[in-house]
Structure formats: structure tokens, C-alpha cells
N, C-alpha and C. Protein backbone atom coordinates (compact mmCIF):
# COMPACT_ATOMS: atom_id res chain seq x y z
N MET A 1 51.37 -17.68 27.52
CA MET A 1 49.99 -17.78 27.85
C MET A 1 49.19 -17.55 26.57
N GLN A 2 48.26 -18.43 26.35
CA GLN A 2 47.45 -18.34 25.14
C GLN A 2 46.15 -17.62 25.46
N ALA A 3 45.80 -16.63 24.62
CA ALA A 3 44.56 -15.86 24.83
C ALA A 3 43.38 -16.65 24.29
N ASN A 4 42.31 -16.59 25.04
CA ASN A 4 41.06 -17.21 24.57
C ASN A 4 40.44 -16.32 23.51
N VAL A 5 40.13 -16.90 22.39
CA VAL A 5 39.55 -16.15 21.29
C VAL A 5 38.11 -16.60 21.11
N LEU A 6 37.24 -15.65 21.13
CA LEU A 6 35.81 -15.93 20.96
C LEU A 6 35.44 -15.53 19.55
N GLN A 7 34.91 -16.46 18.82
CA GLN A 7 34.49 -16.15 17.46
C GLN A 7 32.97 -16.06 17.44
N LEU A 8 32.50 -14.99 16.86
CA LEU A 8 31.06 -14.80 16.71
C LEU A 8 30.69 -15.01 15.26
N LYS A 9 29.64 -15.72 15.04
CA LYS A 9 29.15 -15.92 13.70
C LYS A 9 27.85 -15.17 13.55
N ARG A 10 27.75 -14.45 12.47
CA ARG A 10 26.51 -13.72 12.21
C ARG A 10 25.61 -14.62 11.36
N ILE A 11 24.46 -14.86 11.87
CA ILE A 11 23.49 -15.67 11.15
C ILE A 11 22.34 -14.75 10.75
N THR A 12 22.09 -14.70 9.48
CA THR A 12 20.99 -13.87 9.01
C THR A 12 19.92 -14.76 8.39
N THR A 13 18.73 -14.38 8.64
CA THR A 13 17.60 -15.11 8.07
C THR A 13 16.73 -14.10 7.36
N SER A 14 16.37 -14.41 6.16
CA SER A 14 15.46 -13.52 5.45
C SER A 14 14.18 -14.27 5.14
N VAL A 15 13.11 -13.58 5.36
CA VAL A 15 11.80 -14.15 5.11
C VAL A 15 11.15 -13.32 4.01
N ALA A 16 10.75 -13.97 2.97
CA ALA A 16 10.10 -13.26 1.88
C ALA A 16 8.68 -12.89 2.29
N ALA A 17 8.39 -11.62 2.21
CA ALA A 17 7.04 -11.16 2.54
C ALA A 17 6.11 -11.52 1.38
N PRO A 18 4.90 -11.93 1.71
CA PRO A 18 3.94 -12.22 0.63
C PRO A 18 3.59 -10.95 -0.14
N ASP A 19 3.18 -11.14 -1.37
CA ASP A 19 2.78 -9.99 -2.18
C ASP A 19 1.42 -9.51 -1.67
N ASN A 20 1.43 -8.39 -0.99
CA ASN A 20 0.21 -7.84 -0.42
C ASN A 20 -0.27 -6.64 -1.22
N THR A 21 -0.24 -6.76 -2.52
CA THR A 21 -0.75 -5.71 -3.38
C THR A 21 -2.14 -6.09 -3.84
N PRO A 22 -3.17 -5.38 -3.38
CA PRO A 22 -4.53 -5.73 -3.81
C PRO A 22 -4.69 -5.60 -5.32
N ALA A 23 -5.36 -6.56 -5.91
CA ALA A 23 -5.59 -6.55 -7.36
C ALA A 23 -7.07 -6.33 -7.63
N PHE A 24 -7.37 -5.36 -8.47
CA PHE A 24 -8.75 -5.04 -8.81
C PHE A 24 -8.89 -4.91 -10.32
N ALA A 25 -10.10 -5.17 -10.81
CA ALA A 25 -10.40 -4.95 -12.22
C ALA A 25 -10.37 -3.45 -12.48
N THR A 26 -9.93 -3.08 -13.66
CA THR A 26 -9.94 -1.66 -14.00
C THR A 26 -11.36 -1.22 -14.34
N VAL A 27 -11.60 0.05 -14.18
CA VAL A 27 -12.91 0.62 -14.49
C VAL A 27 -12.72 1.51 -15.70
N GLY A 28 -13.48 1.24 -16.75
CA GLY A 28 -13.41 2.10 -17.92
C GLY A 28 -14.16 3.39 -17.63
N GLY A 29 -14.42 4.16 -18.64
CA GLY A 29 -15.19 5.39 -18.46
C GLY A 29 -16.60 5.07 -18.00
N VAL A 30 -17.14 5.91 -17.16
CA VAL A 30 -18.51 5.76 -16.67
C VAL A 30 -19.35 6.84 -17.32
N LEU A 31 -20.50 6.47 -17.85
CA LEU A 31 -21.38 7.44 -18.48
C LEU A 31 -22.22 8.14 -17.41
N PHE A 32 -22.46 9.41 -17.63
CA PHE A 32 -23.25 10.24 -16.72
C PHE A 32 -24.59 9.57 -16.41
N ARG A 33 -24.88 9.36 -15.16
CA ARG A 33 -26.12 8.77 -14.64
C ARG A 33 -26.41 7.36 -15.13
N CYS A 34 -25.41 6.67 -15.63
CA CYS A 34 -25.59 5.28 -16.05
C CYS A 34 -25.09 4.36 -14.93
N SER A 35 -25.49 3.11 -15.03
CA SER A 35 -25.03 2.15 -14.03
C SER A 35 -23.52 1.99 -14.15
N TYR A 36 -22.89 1.52 -13.12
CA TYR A 36 -21.45 1.41 -13.08
C TYR A 36 -21.06 0.23 -12.21
N MET A 37 -19.80 -0.15 -12.29
CA MET A 37 -19.27 -1.21 -11.47
C MET A 37 -19.14 -0.73 -10.03
N GLN A 38 -19.53 -1.56 -9.09
CA GLN A 38 -19.40 -1.22 -7.68
C GLN A 38 -17.95 -1.44 -7.23
N LEU A 39 -17.49 -0.62 -6.31
CA LEU A 39 -16.15 -0.79 -5.76
C LEU A 39 -16.19 -1.91 -4.72
N GLU A 40 -15.49 -2.98 -5.00
CA GLU A 40 -15.53 -4.16 -4.15
C GLU A 40 -14.59 -4.01 -2.95
N PRO A 41 -15.03 -4.44 -1.75
CA PRO A 41 -14.18 -4.34 -0.57
C PRO A 41 -13.12 -5.44 -0.49
N VAL A 42 -13.30 -6.52 -1.26
CA VAL A 42 -12.33 -7.61 -1.26
C VAL A 42 -11.67 -7.67 -2.64
N SER A 43 -10.34 -7.63 -2.64
CA SER A 43 -9.61 -7.65 -3.91
C SER A 43 -9.69 -9.03 -4.56
N GLN A 44 -9.28 -9.10 -5.81
CA GLN A 44 -9.29 -10.37 -6.54
C GLN A 44 -8.34 -11.39 -5.91
N ASN A 45 -7.36 -10.93 -5.14
CA ASN A 45 -6.45 -11.85 -4.47
C ASN A 45 -6.71 -11.93 -2.96
N GLY A 46 -7.95 -11.63 -2.54
CA GLY A 46 -8.40 -11.91 -1.18
C GLY A 46 -8.06 -10.92 -0.10
N ILE A 47 -7.62 -9.73 -0.43
CA ILE A 47 -7.31 -8.72 0.59
C ILE A 47 -8.57 -7.90 0.85
N THR A 48 -8.91 -7.76 2.12
CA THR A 48 -10.11 -7.04 2.51
C THR A 48 -9.76 -5.62 2.94
N GLY A 49 -10.58 -4.67 2.49
CA GLY A 49 -10.32 -3.28 2.85
C GLY A 49 -11.52 -2.42 2.51
N SER A 50 -11.28 -1.15 2.31
CA SER A 50 -12.38 -0.24 1.98
C SER A 50 -11.89 0.86 1.05
N TRP A 51 -12.85 1.43 0.32
CA TRP A 51 -12.58 2.52 -0.62
C TRP A 51 -13.04 3.84 -0.03
N SER A 52 -12.34 4.90 -0.39
CA SER A 52 -12.75 6.24 -0.01
C SER A 52 -12.60 7.14 -1.22
N PRO A 53 -13.68 7.76 -1.69
CA PRO A 53 -15.08 7.56 -1.32
C PRO A 53 -15.50 6.11 -1.58
N SER A 54 -16.57 5.68 -0.94
CA SER A 54 -16.96 4.28 -0.98
C SER A 54 -17.74 3.87 -2.22
N THR A 55 -18.31 4.82 -2.94
CA THR A 55 -19.05 4.49 -4.16
C THR A 55 -18.66 5.45 -5.28
N ILE A 56 -18.82 4.97 -6.50
CA ILE A 56 -18.51 5.81 -7.66
C ILE A 56 -19.63 6.81 -7.84
N ASP A 57 -19.27 8.07 -7.92
CA ASP A 57 -20.24 9.16 -8.14
C ASP A 57 -20.47 9.28 -9.63
N ASN A 58 -21.64 8.84 -10.11
CA ASN A 58 -21.90 8.88 -11.55
C ASN A 58 -22.75 10.08 -11.96
N VAL A 59 -22.93 11.06 -11.08
CA VAL A 59 -23.70 12.25 -11.43
C VAL A 59 -22.82 13.51 -11.49
N THR A 60 -21.54 13.35 -11.26
CA THR A 60 -20.60 14.46 -11.37
C THR A 60 -19.63 14.16 -12.50
N VAL A 61 -19.69 14.95 -13.57
CA VAL A 61 -18.82 14.75 -14.73
C VAL A 61 -17.40 15.14 -14.34
N GLY A 62 -16.45 14.30 -14.72
CA GLY A 62 -15.04 14.58 -14.45
C GLY A 62 -14.33 13.36 -13.90
N THR A 63 -13.12 13.57 -13.45
CA THR A 63 -12.27 12.49 -12.96
C THR A 63 -12.20 12.52 -11.45
N THR A 64 -12.36 11.36 -10.84
CA THR A 64 -12.27 11.22 -9.39
C THR A 64 -11.30 10.09 -9.07
N THR A 65 -10.47 10.28 -8.07
CA THR A 65 -9.56 9.23 -7.62
C THR A 65 -10.13 8.62 -6.35
N TYR A 66 -10.16 7.29 -6.33
CA TYR A 66 -10.65 6.52 -5.19
C TYR A 66 -9.45 5.84 -4.54
N TYR A 67 -9.44 5.81 -3.21
CA TYR A 67 -8.31 5.30 -2.45
C TYR A 67 -8.72 4.04 -1.69
N TYR A 68 -7.91 2.99 -1.82
CA TYR A 68 -8.19 1.71 -1.15
C TYR A 68 -7.17 1.49 -0.05
N THR A 69 -7.65 1.20 1.14
CA THR A 69 -6.78 0.83 2.24
C THR A 69 -7.26 -0.49 2.81
N ASP A 70 -6.32 -1.29 3.28
CA ASP A 70 -6.66 -2.62 3.77
C ASP A 70 -7.07 -2.58 5.24
N ALA A 71 -7.57 -3.71 5.70
CA ALA A 71 -7.99 -3.84 7.10
C ALA A 71 -6.87 -4.53 7.89
N ASN A 72 -5.79 -3.79 8.15
CA ASN A 72 -4.65 -4.26 8.94
C ASN A 72 -4.02 -5.55 8.40
N GLN A 73 -3.83 -5.61 7.08
CA GLN A 73 -3.20 -6.79 6.47
C GLN A 73 -1.86 -6.42 5.85
N CYS A 74 -1.36 -5.24 6.16
CA CYS A 74 -0.07 -4.75 5.64
C CYS A 74 -0.03 -4.74 4.11
N ALA A 75 -1.16 -4.48 3.50
CA ALA A 75 -1.23 -4.42 2.04
C ALA A 75 -0.83 -3.04 1.55
N THR A 76 -0.43 -2.99 0.31
CA THR A 76 -0.07 -1.75 -0.33
C THR A 76 -1.33 -0.95 -0.64
N ALA A 77 -1.33 0.33 -0.31
CA ALA A 77 -2.49 1.17 -0.63
C ALA A 77 -2.62 1.28 -2.15
N GLN A 78 -3.84 1.35 -2.63
CA GLN A 78 -4.09 1.42 -4.06
C GLN A 78 -4.96 2.62 -4.39
N THR A 79 -4.86 3.09 -5.61
CA THR A 79 -5.75 4.15 -6.09
C THR A 79 -6.40 3.69 -7.39
N LEU A 80 -7.56 4.23 -7.64
CA LEU A 80 -8.30 3.94 -8.86
C LEU A 80 -8.87 5.25 -9.36
N THR A 81 -8.59 5.59 -10.60
CA THR A 81 -9.09 6.83 -11.18
C THR A 81 -10.24 6.50 -12.12
N VAL A 82 -11.37 7.17 -11.92
CA VAL A 82 -12.57 6.93 -12.74
C VAL A 82 -12.97 8.24 -13.39
N ASN A 83 -13.24 8.18 -14.69
CA ASN A 83 -13.68 9.35 -15.43
C ASN A 83 -15.15 9.20 -15.80
N VAL A 84 -15.98 10.14 -15.36
CA VAL A 84 -17.40 10.16 -15.70
C VAL A 84 -17.56 11.14 -16.86
N THR A 85 -18.10 10.65 -17.97
CA THR A 85 -18.27 11.50 -19.15
C THR A 85 -19.70 11.98 -19.26
N ALA A 86 -19.89 13.10 -19.93
CA ALA A 86 -21.21 13.71 -20.07
C ALA A 86 -22.09 12.94 -21.05
N GLN A 87 -21.51 12.05 -21.82
CA GLN A 87 -22.28 11.26 -22.79
C GLN A 87 -23.32 10.42 -22.05
N ARG A 88 -24.55 10.43 -22.55
CA ARG A 88 -25.61 9.66 -21.90
C ARG A 88 -26.13 8.54 -22.80
N TYR A 89 -25.49 8.36 -23.94
CA TYR A 89 -25.91 7.31 -24.87
C TYR A 89 -24.71 6.44 -25.20
N TYR A 90 -24.93 5.16 -25.28
CA TYR A 90 -23.87 4.24 -25.64
C TYR A 90 -24.48 3.16 -26.54
N SER A 91 -24.01 3.09 -27.74
CA SER A 91 -24.52 2.09 -28.71
C SER A 91 -26.04 2.13 -28.84
N GLY A 92 -26.59 3.34 -28.88
CA GLY A 92 -28.04 3.49 -29.07
C GLY A 92 -28.86 3.28 -27.82
N ILE A 93 -28.22 3.03 -26.67
CA ILE A 93 -28.96 2.82 -25.42
C ILE A 93 -28.88 4.11 -24.61
N CYS A 94 -30.03 4.59 -24.18
CA CYS A 94 -30.07 5.81 -23.35
C CYS A 94 -29.93 5.44 -21.89
N CYS A 95 -29.09 6.14 -21.20
CA CYS A 95 -28.89 5.89 -19.78
C CYS A 95 -29.57 6.98 -18.99
N ASP A 96 -30.82 6.80 -18.66
CA ASP A 96 -31.56 7.80 -17.87
C ASP A 96 -31.67 7.35 -16.43
């Protein structure tokens, strides 16, 4: 008597996930009480999210880290560190 042999084949499928890393311009040093770049809610590669804190504090001297999270797009969380310096003059321009 011949035994019935069942062969199972394993089929695997891999799907490459898109690169969901938000890309943002870097922020150089910010001068105390001077204008600064706004934190954009949409990354350069189209990922929408929000920053916490939501705006750069230019009246507190020191370093602050800002955290970016996406709006349910499975993107990688990002951080941005901004240093506010006590200098109020840049190339002869007063920032009052």
C-alpha cells in the first residue's frame, strides 16, 4: 500500500515599505529675539504631522529639542535641536 504524501510549499512575499522618514531643512542657531524659521507641518517629502512644542521659542537662551510626529502615516518620529544664542547682532544688524 502506497502512502499519500502531501507536500506543502511555503510561499513568501515581501513588500518593500516606502521610506517614511520625514525630511526637514536644518535650523542653524537662532539669535535671541530675532526672527526664525517656522516649523513646517509638512515635510519636504510630503509627510504631514505636527511639532511639539509647535513654535521655536526665541526668547529663551539655550538648546531646545522639538519632536515631530506624523498624522497616522507610519512615519518615523523626528527630532530637531535648536540653539538660541544670547547674541542680538548679526553682521551689523540689530535684532530687536
